[in-house]
Protein backbone atom coordinates (compact mmCIF):
# COMPACT_ATOMS: atom_id res chain seq x y z
CA UNK A 1 140.72 104.53 88.61
CA UNK A 2 141.72 104.54 84.95
CA UNK A 3 138.20 103.45 83.95
CA UNK A 4 136.66 106.30 85.93
CA UNK A 5 139.00 108.80 84.29
CA UNK A 6 138.09 107.50 80.83
CA UNK A 7 134.43 107.68 81.72
CA UNK A 8 135.01 111.34 82.74
CA UNK A 9 136.74 112.01 79.45
CA UNK A 10 133.77 110.42 77.59
CA UNK A 11 131.20 112.47 79.46
CA UNK A 12 133.07 115.76 78.95
CA UNK A 13 133.64 114.97 75.29
CA UNK A 14 130.01 114.15 74.75
CA UNK A 15 128.80 117.30 76.50
CA UNK A 16 131.14 119.47 74.51
CA UNK A 17 130.15 117.74 71.29
CA UNK A 18 126.51 118.32 72.07
CA UNK A 19 127.12 122.11 71.71
CA UNK A 20 125.89 122.15 68.11
CA UNK A 21 127.21 125.28 66.46
CA UNK A 22 124.84 125.17 63.44
CA UNK A 23 121.77 125.13 65.67
CA UNK A 24 123.07 127.79 68.03
CA UNK A 25 124.21 130.13 65.19
CA UNK A 26 120.82 129.69 63.41
CA UNK A 27 118.69 130.39 66.50
CA UNK A 28 120.83 133.21 67.97
CA UNK A 29 121.70 135.20 64.81
CA UNK A 30 118.95 134.20 62.34
CA UNK A 31 116.04 133.19 64.60
CA UNK A 32 115.78 129.92 62.64
CA UNK A 33 116.52 126.24 63.40
CA UNK A 34 118.72 125.02 60.55
CA UNK A 35 117.26 121.57 61.09
CA UNK A 36 114.00 122.75 59.57
CA UNK A 37 115.48 123.97 56.28
CA UNK A 38 117.47 122.62 53.36
CA UNK A 39 118.72 119.15 53.98
CA UNK A 40 117.64 119.55 57.64
CA UNK A 41 121.19 118.59 58.73
CA UNK A 42 122.72 120.63 61.53
CA UNK A 43 126.10 120.96 59.93
CA UNK A 44 128.43 123.28 57.96
CA UNK A 45 127.16 122.62 54.43
CA UNK A 46 123.47 123.08 55.35
CA UNK A 47 124.32 126.27 57.28
CA UNK A 48 125.97 127.66 54.20
CA UNK A 49 122.99 126.68 52.17
CA UNK A 50 120.33 128.03 54.49
CA UNK A 51 122.07 131.16 55.84
CA UNK A 52 125.36 132.58 54.44
CA UNK A 53 129.10 132.42 54.50
CA UNK A 54 129.35 134.37 57.77
CA UNK A 55 127.18 131.79 59.50
CA UNK A 56 129.20 129.01 57.99
CA UNK A 57 132.47 130.49 59.30
CA UNK A 58 130.99 130.67 62.81
CA UNK A 59 129.93 126.99 62.57
CA UNK A 60 133.39 126.06 61.23
CA UNK A 61 135.11 127.65 64.18
CA UNK A 62 132.62 126.22 66.72
CA UNK A 63 132.82 122.67 65.45
CA UNK A 64 136.59 122.73 65.30
CA UNK A 65 136.94 124.32 68.74
CA UNK A 66 134.78 121.75 70.51
CA UNK A 67 136.70 118.86 68.90
CA UNK A 68 139.99 120.41 70.07
CA UNK A 69 138.74 121.12 73.53
CA UNK A 70 137.41 117.58 73.98
CA UNK A 71 140.73 116.07 72.88
CA UNK A 72 142.89 118.39 74.98
CA UNK A 73 140.86 118.02 78.14
CA UNK A 74 140.76 114.26 77.60
CA UNK A 75 144.54 114.13 77.20
CA UNK A 76 144.99 116.08 80.45
CA UNK A 77 142.72 113.81 82.42
CA UNK A 78 144.05 110.55 81.05
CA UNK A 79 147.29 110.89 78.90
CA UNK A 80 147.11 107.36 77.36
CA UNK A 81 143.63 107.16 75.87
CA UNK A 82 141.79 110.26 77.10
CA UNK A 83 142.40 112.18 73.93
CA UNK A 84 140.90 109.44 71.74
CA UNK A 85 137.94 108.79 73.99
CA UNK A 86 137.16 112.50 74.35
CA UNK A 87 137.42 113.12 70.67
CA UNK A 88 135.22 110.17 69.74
CA UNK A 89 132.55 111.17 72.22
CA UNK A 90 132.67 114.76 70.89
CA UNK A 91 131.66 113.36 67.46
CA UNK A 92 128.86 111.27 69.04
CA UNK A 93 127.64 114.37 70.85
CA UNK A 94 127.64 116.34 67.61
CA UNK A 95 125.58 113.71 65.92
CA UNK A 96 123.15 113.17 68.77
CA UNK A 97 123.32 116.34 70.98
CA UNK A 98 121.94 116.16 74.42
CA UNK A 99 120.83 119.79 74.36
CA UNK A 100 118.98 119.61 71.08
CA UNK A 101 116.74 116.57 71.41
CA UNK A 102 119.49 114.28 70.04
CA UNK A 103 119.08 115.66 66.54
CA UNK A 104 122.41 116.88 65.27
CA UNK A 105 124.72 116.81 62.25
CA UNK A 106 126.74 114.19 60.47
CA UNK A 107 129.98 114.81 62.32
CA UNK A 108 132.37 115.25 59.35
CA UNK A 109 133.96 118.51 60.49
CA UNK A 110 134.25 117.48 64.16
CA UNK A 111 135.56 114.09 63.07
CA UNK A 112 138.22 115.74 60.84
CA UNK A 113 139.28 117.84 63.79
CA UNK A 114 139.64 114.96 66.21
CA UNK A 115 141.46 112.87 63.61
CA UNK A 116 144.04 115.69 63.19
CA UNK A 117 144.34 115.71 67.04
CA UNK A 118 144.84 111.94 67.12
CA UNK A 119 147.60 111.96 64.50
CA UNK A 120 148.26 115.01 62.42
CA UNK A 121 149.97 113.04 59.64
CA UNK A 122 147.02 110.72 59.06
CA UNK A 123 144.70 113.64 59.55
CA UNK A 124 146.35 115.63 56.72
CA UNK A 125 146.23 112.56 54.41
CA UNK A 126 142.61 111.99 55.00
CA UNK A 127 141.82 115.69 54.65
CA UNK A 128 143.75 115.77 51.35
CA UNK A 129 141.72 112.80 50.06
CA UNK A 130 138.49 114.57 51.04
CA UNK A 131 139.48 117.76 49.23
CA UNK A 132 140.64 115.98 46.08
CA UNK A 133 137.41 113.88 45.81
CA UNK A 134 135.17 116.91 46.39
CA UNK A 135 137.20 119.01 43.94
CA UNK A 136 136.81 116.37 41.25
CA UNK A 137 133.24 115.17 41.83
CA UNK A 138 131.70 118.16 43.69
CA UNK A 139 130.11 115.50 46.01
CA UNK A 140 130.78 116.43 49.62
CA UNK A 141 129.08 113.22 50.77
CA UNK A 142 131.26 111.03 48.56
CA UNK A 143 134.36 112.85 49.80
CA UNK A 144 133.27 112.34 53.41
CA UNK A 145 132.60 108.62 52.98
CA UNK A 146 135.80 107.78 51.07
CA UNK A 147 137.98 109.99 53.28
CA UNK A 148 136.64 108.30 56.40
CA UNK A 149 137.22 104.92 54.90
CA UNK A 150 140.79 105.79 54.17
CA UNK A 151 141.25 106.72 57.80
CA UNK A 152 140.94 103.05 58.72
CA UNK A 153 143.21 101.99 55.93
CA UNK A 154 146.03 104.38 56.90
CA UNK A 155 145.61 103.64 60.55
CA UNK A 156 146.44 99.97 59.74
CA UNK A 157 149.18 100.80 57.22
CA UNK A 158 150.94 103.13 59.62
CA UNK A 159 150.89 100.55 62.40
CA UNK A 160 148.62 102.34 64.94
CA UNK A 161 147.57 100.40 67.98
CA UNK A 162 144.38 98.42 68.30
CA UNK A 163 142.59 101.22 70.21
CA UNK A 164 143.34 103.80 67.51
CA UNK A 165 142.22 101.41 64.81
CA UNK A 166 139.06 100.54 66.66
CA UNK A 167 138.14 104.17 67.13
CA UNK A 168 138.99 104.85 63.43
CA UNK A 169 136.56 102.13 62.50
CA UNK A 170 133.91 103.63 64.75
CA UNK A 171 134.39 107.10 63.38
CA UNK A 172 134.27 105.84 59.77
CA UNK A 173 131.15 103.80 60.51
CA UNK A 174 129.41 106.81 62.05
CA UNK A 175 130.12 109.00 59.04
CA UNK A 176 128.91 106.29 56.65
CA UNK A 177 125.82 105.64 58.68
CA UNK A 178 124.89 109.36 58.91
CA UNK A 179 125.28 109.57 55.05
CA UNK A 180 123.04 106.58 54.33
CA UNK A 181 120.53 108.72 52.49
CA UNK A 182 123.30 110.34 50.50
CA UNK A 183 124.60 106.89 49.54
CA UNK A 184 121.18 105.97 48.24
CA UNK A 185 121.09 109.10 46.14
CA UNK A 186 124.60 108.56 44.88
CA UNK A 187 123.69 105.02 43.75
CA UNK A 188 120.65 106.45 41.85
CA UNK A 189 122.60 109.33 40.42
CA UNK A 190 120.36 111.80 42.28
CA UNK A 191 122.86 113.33 44.75
CA UNK A 192 123.22 117.12 44.56
CA UNK A 193 126.61 118.62 43.86
CA UNK A 194 128.37 121.30 45.86
CA UNK A 195 127.83 124.75 44.35
CA UNK A 196 128.82 128.20 45.58
CA UNK A 197 126.20 130.06 43.50
CA UNK A 198 122.48 130.09 43.49
CA UNK A 199 121.09 126.62 42.93
CA UNK A 200 121.37 123.20 44.55
CA UNK A 201 124.16 122.37 46.98
CA UNK A 202 125.30 119.09 48.33
CA UNK A 203 122.98 117.55 50.82
CA UNK A 204 125.85 116.48 53.09
């Protein structure tokens, strides 16, 4: 019975995660597919690059909302691990959305949301690390990679159980994997920095 409930949490989380806000906002309000422009990533940063701040805010709200919903519904279905399973699958759905030919974003914002839902203390620490790194380097990709790595470290330091640690490793691995091209550019010194004016922005 518990296995069936966790499977249900996983399916609901994945279906919610597959509701890709960047693709929907682009197609509904701008008649464009964000995946065909800029970095071709269906995420917050590329939405800001391709469209405008208004579109980015809509994506921000949408990606946060689906992460919260996946975790809350999961916790209601299975109090022990439903939240974690639902949240993880929401990130997977964001990265490989069922409704959009499995071509989604990199899952950073949705991951940040579910981490905060998992444990708000660890979530705030990881978020703080991300903000500091991006503020100093202007590399969103570097901030995402190092912050996700810190998630695993703090999960271990703060004595979380094996399931939490395992899910943290999976989330960090997904973020690093989805940023593999960014890593190559960082190593070559070719990664674009985040800017809020005309010009190049981060390719995260």
